Amino acid sequence: MAKIGIFYGSSTGHTEKIAELIAKAFGDDATTINVSDASPDDLNKFPNLIFGTSTWDIGGMQDDWEDFIEMLKKADLKKKKIALFGLGDQENFPDSFADGMGVLYDQIAGKTTIVGAWPTDGYEFEESDALKDGKFVGLVIDEDNQSKLTGERVKMWVEMLRTEFV
């Protein structure tokens, strides 16, 4: 399998933890990189990318993504395959659940191949900008309310990505 770069922004450590779980599931093929430390050269090292963000305020991405998004706008992503994961709180923020991932998706959609759509089964929310065509645009994790499901969700998603990251 081709190498995978897992880029994440994390304020509380939850998104970093999920990035590391994903990397561990992929094994030696994956490397984690905090977007606050990332450069355009880091993007070029990997044919397959995974981007992860939590949702802040009412539907925004984690703050470190602001500068990195500007790099993404200039980057050539056409030959890349990109998967997304997002964190959200479906009980306290059911009207903006995992919206940060939806904002990230909107920034790169049409510039690359996005893989890893995830079903909504098992989640209870009202609205999400991360929802497109009846599925989430990537893996959604709710560490606040469903942390017991995180390990299995990551495992299933990584297995799915193994077939999509070829």
C-alpha atoms as a PDB file:
ATOM      1  CA  MET A   1       0.000   0.000   0.000  1.00  0.00           C
ATOM      2  CA  ALA A   2       1.156   3.530  -0.734  1.00  0.00           C
ATOM      3  CA  LYS A   3       2.158   5.730   2.176  1.00  0.00           C
ATOM      4  CA  ILE A   4      -0.535   7.716   3.988  1.00  0.00           C
ATOM      5  CA  GLY A   5      -0.165  11.125   5.617  1.00  0.00           C
ATOM      6  CA  ILE A   6      -2.639  11.787   8.416  1.00  0.00           C
ATOM      7  CA  PHE A   7      -2.958  15.532   8.966  1.00  0.00           C
ATOM      8  CA  TYR A   8      -4.894  16.732  11.992  1.00  0.00           C
ATOM      9  CA  GLY A   9      -5.558  19.808  14.071  1.00  0.00           C
ATOM     10  CA  SER A  10      -6.133  19.290  17.783  1.00  0.00           C
ATOM     11  CA  SER A  11      -6.832  21.681  20.655  1.00  0.00           C
ATOM     12  CA  THR A  12      -7.840  19.251  23.400  1.00  0.00           C
ATOM     13  CA  GLY A  13      -5.995  16.145  22.226  1.00  0.00           C
ATOM     14  CA  HIS A  14      -9.052  14.187  21.070  1.00  0.00           C
ATOM     15  CA  THR A  15      -8.383  14.635  17.349  1.00  0.00           C
ATOM     16  CA  GLU A  16      -4.711  13.791  17.829  1.00  0.00           C
ATOM     17  CA  LYS A  17      -5.740  10.609  19.671  1.00  0.00           C
ATOM     18  CA  ILE A  18      -8.002   9.564  16.787  1.00  0.00           C
ATOM     19  CA  ALA A  19      -5.255  10.351  14.241  1.00  0.00           C
ATOM     20  CA  GLU A  20      -2.905   8.099  16.187  1.00  0.00           C
ATOM     21  CA  LEU A  21      -5.518   5.309  16.368  1.00  0.00           C
ATOM     22  CA  ILE A  22      -5.950   5.503  12.607  1.00  0.00           C
ATOM     23  CA  ALA A  23      -2.175   5.464  12.066  1.00  0.00           C
ATOM     24  CA  LYS A  24      -1.798   2.453  14.367  1.00  0.00           C
ATOM     25  CA  ALA A  25      -4.520   0.608  12.441  1.00  0.00           C
ATOM     26  CA  PHE A  26      -2.670   1.244   9.162  1.00  0.00           C
ATOM     27  CA  GLY A  27       0.692   0.302  10.658  1.00  0.00           C
ATOM     28  CA  ASP A  28       3.962   1.413   9.096  1.00  0.00           C
ATOM     29  CA  ASP A  29       2.183   2.855   6.051  1.00  0.00           C
ATOM     30  CA  ALA A  30       0.862   5.887   7.980  1.00  0.00           C
ATOM     31  CA  THR A  31       2.440   9.001   9.477  1.00  0.00           C
ATOM     32  CA  THR A  32       0.658  11.608  11.617  1.00  0.00           C
ATOM     33  CA  ILE A  33       1.350  15.318  11.158  1.00  0.00           C
ATOM     34  CA  ASN A  34      -0.152  18.197  13.127  1.00  0.00           C
ATOM     35  CA  VAL A  35      -1.337  20.825  10.638  1.00  0.00           C
ATOM     36  CA  SER A  36       0.182  23.562  12.799  1.00  0.00           C
ATOM     37  CA  ASP A  37       3.614  22.093  11.922  1.00  0.00           C
ATOM     38  CA  ALA A  38       2.882  21.052   8.323  1.00  0.00           C
ATOM     39  CA  SER A  39       4.370  22.443   5.134  1.00  0.00           C
ATOM     40  CA  PRO A  40       3.417  22.087   1.460  1.00  0.00           C
ATOM     41  CA  ASP A  41       6.301  19.609   1.115  1.00  0.00           C
ATOM     42  CA  ASP A  42       4.606  17.363   3.667  1.00  0.00           C
ATOM     43  CA  LEU A  43       1.581  17.064   1.375  1.00  0.00           C
ATOM     44  CA  ASN A  44       3.772  16.021  -1.542  1.00  0.00           C
ATOM     45  CA  LYS A  45       5.286  13.084   0.360  1.00  0.00           C
ATOM     46  CA  PHE A  46       2.064  11.073   0.323  1.00  0.00           C
ATOM     47  CA  PRO A  47      -0.228   9.888  -2.480  1.00  0.00           C
ATOM     48  CA  ASN A  48      -2.960   9.215   0.088  1.00  0.00           C
ATOM     49  CA  LEU A  49      -3.996  11.767   2.681  1.00  0.00           C
ATOM     50  CA  ILE A  50      -6.315  11.743   5.662  1.00  0.00           C
ATOM     51  CA  PHE A  51      -7.449  15.054   7.141  1.00  0.00           C
ATOM     52  CA  GLY A  52      -9.009  15.275  10.590  1.00  0.00           C
ATOM     53  CA  THR A  53     -10.670  18.114  12.458  1.00  0.00           C
ATOM     54  CA  SER A  54     -12.952  18.598  15.369  1.00  0.00           C
ATOM     55  CA  THR A  55     -15.894  20.994  15.321  1.00  0.00           C
ATOM     56  CA  TRP A  56     -15.615  24.233  17.283  1.00  0.00           C
ATOM     57  CA  ASP A  57     -18.111  26.940  18.172  1.00  0.00           C
ATOM     58  CA  ILE A  58     -21.164  26.488  16.009  1.00  0.00           C
ATOM     59  CA  GLY A  59     -19.815  24.405  13.143  1.00  0.00           C
ATOM     60  CA  GLY A  60     -16.285  25.659  12.556  1.00  0.00           C
ATOM     61  CA  MET A  61     -13.048  23.766  12.020  1.00  0.00           C
ATOM     62  CA  GLN A  62     -10.344  23.572  14.653  1.00  0.00           C
ATOM     63  CA  ASP A  63      -8.301  26.813  14.554  1.00  0.00           C
ATOM     64  CA  ASP A  64      -5.013  25.339  13.264  1.00  0.00           C
ATOM     65  CA  TRP A  65      -6.770  24.463  10.003  1.00  0.00           C
ATOM     66  CA  GLU A  66      -7.140  28.128   9.001  1.00  0.00           C
ATOM     67  CA  ASP A  67      -3.527  28.504   7.791  1.00  0.00           C
ATOM     68  CA  PHE A  68      -3.359  24.963   6.446  1.00  0.00           C
ATOM     69  CA  ILE A  69      -6.479  25.529   4.325  1.00  0.00           C
ATOM     70  CA  GLU A  70      -4.631  28.349   2.564  1.00  0.00           C
ATOM     71  CA  MET A  71      -1.854  25.853   1.713  1.00  0.00           C
ATOM     72  CA  LEU A  72      -4.436  23.367   0.446  1.00  0.00           C
ATOM     73  CA  LYS A  73      -5.942  25.964  -1.867  1.00  0.00           C
ATOM     74  CA  LYS A  74      -2.543  26.312  -3.581  1.00  0.00           C
ATOM     75  CA  ALA A  75      -1.623  22.621  -3.538  1.00  0.00           C
ATOM     76  CA  ASP A  76      -2.054  20.292  -6.496  1.00  0.00           C
ATOM     77  CA  LEU A  77      -4.363  17.633  -5.087  1.00  0.00           C
ATOM     78  CA  LYS A  78      -5.595  16.168  -8.385  1.00  0.00           C
ATOM     79  CA  LYS A  79      -3.584  12.944  -8.137  1.00  0.00           C
ATOM     80  CA  LYS A  80      -4.256  12.455  -4.424  1.00  0.00           C
ATOM     81  CA  LYS A  81      -6.880  10.399  -2.679  1.00  0.00           C
ATOM     82  CA  ILE A  82      -8.127  12.067   0.467  1.00  0.00           C
ATOM     83  CA  ALA A  83     -10.237  10.733   3.312  1.00  0.00           C
ATOM     84  CA  LEU A  84     -11.666  12.837   6.126  1.00  0.00           C
ATOM     85  CA  PHE A  85     -12.493  12.250   9.758  1.00  0.00           C
ATOM     86  CA  GLY A  86     -14.264  14.610  12.090  1.00  0.00           C
ATOM     87  CA  LEU A  87     -15.151  14.856  15.733  1.00  0.00           C
ATOM     88  CA  GLY A  88     -18.398  16.216  17.069  1.00  0.00           C
ATOM     89  CA  ASP A  89     -20.819  16.134  19.993  1.00  0.00           C
ATOM     90  CA  GLN A  90     -24.228  14.941  18.831  1.00  0.00           C
ATOM     91  CA  GLU A  91     -25.982  15.533  22.164  1.00  0.00           C
ATOM     92  CA  ASN A  92     -24.885  19.098  22.931  1.00  0.00           C
ATOM     93  CA  PHE A  93     -24.596  20.262  19.313  1.00  0.00           C
ATOM     94  CA  PRO A  94     -27.159  18.239  17.326  1.00  0.00           C
ATOM     95  CA  ASP A  95     -27.712  21.104  14.862  1.00  0.00           C
ATOM     96  CA  SER A  96     -24.043  21.397  13.886  1.00  0.00           C
ATOM     97  CA  PHE A  97     -22.813  17.853  14.460  1.00  0.00           C
ATOM     98  CA  ALA A  98     -19.366  17.297  12.886  1.00  0.00           C
ATOM     99  CA  ASP A  99     -19.782  20.447  10.797  1.00  0.00           C
ATOM    100  CA  GLY A 100     -16.038  21.107  10.930  1.00  0.00           C
ATOM    101  CA  MET A 101     -15.500  18.098   8.662  1.00  0.00           C
ATOM    102  CA  GLY A 102     -18.168  19.445   6.305  1.00  0.00           C
ATOM    103  CA  VAL A 103     -16.373  22.802   6.114  1.00  0.00           C
ATOM    104  CA  LEU A 104     -13.116  21.003   5.331  1.00  0.00           C
ATOM    105  CA  TYR A 105     -14.840  18.895   2.668  1.00  0.00           C
ATOM    106  CA  ASP A 106     -16.254  22.012   1.000  1.00  0.00           C
ATOM    107  CA  GLN A 107     -12.740  23.490   0.770  1.00  0.00           C
ATOM    108  CA  ILE A 108     -11.326  20.531  -1.191  1.00  0.00           C
ATOM    109  CA  ALA A 109     -14.318  19.024  -3.029  1.00  0.00           C
ATOM    110  CA  GLY A 110     -13.783  19.165  -6.780  1.00  0.00           C
ATOM    111  CA  LYS A 111      -9.995  19.449  -6.415  1.00  0.00           C
ATOM    112  CA  THR A 112      -9.293  15.814  -5.568  1.00  0.00           C
ATOM    113  CA  THR A 113     -10.774  12.360  -5.120  1.00  0.00           C
ATOM    114  CA  ILE A 114     -12.437  12.074  -1.730  1.00  0.00           C
ATOM    115  CA  VAL A 115     -12.963   8.578  -0.344  1.00  0.00           C
ATOM    116  CA  GLY A 116     -14.163   7.102   2.930  1.00  0.00           C
ATOM    117  CA  ALA A 117     -17.817   8.171   3.139  1.00  0.00           C
ATOM    118  CA  TRP A 118     -19.376   6.873   6.362  1.00  0.00           C
ATOM    119  CA  PRO A 119     -22.981   5.837   7.170  1.00  0.00           C
ATOM    120  CA  THR A 120     -25.116   7.766   9.638  1.00  0.00           C
ATOM    121  CA  ASP A 121     -26.309   4.600  11.403  1.00  0.00           C
ATOM    122  CA  GLY A 122     -25.807   4.790  15.155  1.00  0.00           C
ATOM    123  CA  TYR A 123     -25.740   8.588  15.392  1.00  0.00           C
ATOM    124  CA  GLU A 124     -28.571  10.841  16.636  1.00  0.00           C
ATOM    125  CA  PHE A 125     -28.381  14.434  15.404  1.00  0.00           C
ATOM    126  CA  GLU A 126     -30.560  17.039  13.731  1.00  0.00           C
ATOM    127  CA  GLU A 127     -28.256  18.543  11.085  1.00  0.00           C
ATOM    128  CA  SER A 128     -24.702  18.247   9.829  1.00  0.00           C
ATOM    129  CA  ASP A 129     -22.776  20.038   7.112  1.00  0.00           C
ATOM    130  CA  ALA A 130     -20.731  16.831   6.867  1.00  0.00           C
ATOM    131  CA  LEU A 131     -23.735  15.007   5.418  1.00  0.00           C
ATOM    132  CA  LYS A 132     -23.783  14.625   1.618  1.00  0.00           C
ATOM    133  CA  ASP A 133     -25.980  12.227  -0.341  1.00  0.00           C
ATOM    134  CA  GLY A 134     -27.215  10.499   2.824  1.00  0.00           C
ATOM    135  CA  LYS A 135     -23.752   9.725   4.235  1.00  0.00           C
ATOM    136  CA  PHE A 136     -21.099  11.560   6.167  1.00  0.00           C
ATOM    137  CA  VAL A 137     -18.201  12.681   3.944  1.00  0.00           C
ATOM    138  CA  GLY A 138     -15.859  10.755   6.249  1.00  0.00           C
ATOM    139  CA  LEU A 139     -15.595   8.971   9.569  1.00  0.00           C
ATOM    140  CA  VAL A 140     -17.417  10.732  12.414  1.00  0.00           C
ATOM    141  CA  ILE A 141     -16.299  10.220  16.000  1.00  0.00           C
ATOM    142  CA  ASP A 142     -18.199  11.384  19.088  1.00  0.00           C
ATOM    143  CA  GLU A 143     -15.732  10.957  21.951  1.00  0.00           C
ATOM    144  CA  ASP A 144     -18.052  12.831  24.326  1.00  0.00           C
ATOM    145  CA  ASN A 145     -21.008  10.462  24.025  1.00  0.00           C
ATOM    146  CA  GLN A 146     -19.905   7.317  22.166  1.00  0.00           C
ATOM    147  CA  SER A 147     -16.259   6.758  23.063  1.00  0.00           C
ATOM    148  CA  LYS A 148     -16.889   3.026  23.480  1.00  0.00           C
ATOM    149  CA  LEU A 149     -17.630   2.825  19.742  1.00  0.00           C
ATOM    150  CA  THR A 150     -14.498   4.677  18.604  1.00  0.00           C
ATOM    151  CA  GLY A 151     -12.126   1.719  18.333  1.00  0.00           C
ATOM    152  CA  GLU A 152     -14.503  -0.393  16.263  1.00  0.00           C
ATOM    153  CA  ARG A 153     -15.458   2.539  14.024  1.00  0.00           C
ATOM    154  CA  VAL A 154     -11.801   3.328  13.339  1.00  0.00           C
ATOM    155  CA  LYS A 155     -11.057  -0.322  12.590  1.00  0.00           C
ATOM    156  CA  MET A 156     -13.979  -0.623  10.138  1.00  0.00           C
ATOM    157  CA  TRP A 157     -13.127   2.660   8.423  1.00  0.00           C
ATOM    158  CA  VAL A 158      -9.461   1.771   7.995  1.00  0.00           C
ATOM    159  CA  GLU A 159     -10.433  -1.585   6.474  1.00  0.00           C
ATOM    160  CA  MET A 160     -12.673   0.260   4.031  1.00  0.00           C
ATOM    161  CA  LEU A 161      -9.893   2.721   3.172  1.00  0.00           C
ATOM    162  CA  ARG A 162      -7.472  -0.127   2.476  1.00  0.00           C
ATOM    163  CA  THR A 163      -9.618  -0.940  -0.565  1.00  0.00           C
ATOM    164  CA  GLU A 164      -9.977   2.697  -1.612  1.00  0.00           C
ATOM    165  CA  PHE A 165      -6.335   3.743  -1.104  1.00  0.00           C
ATOM    166  CA  VAL A 166      -4.785   1.633  -3.851  1.00  0.00           C
END
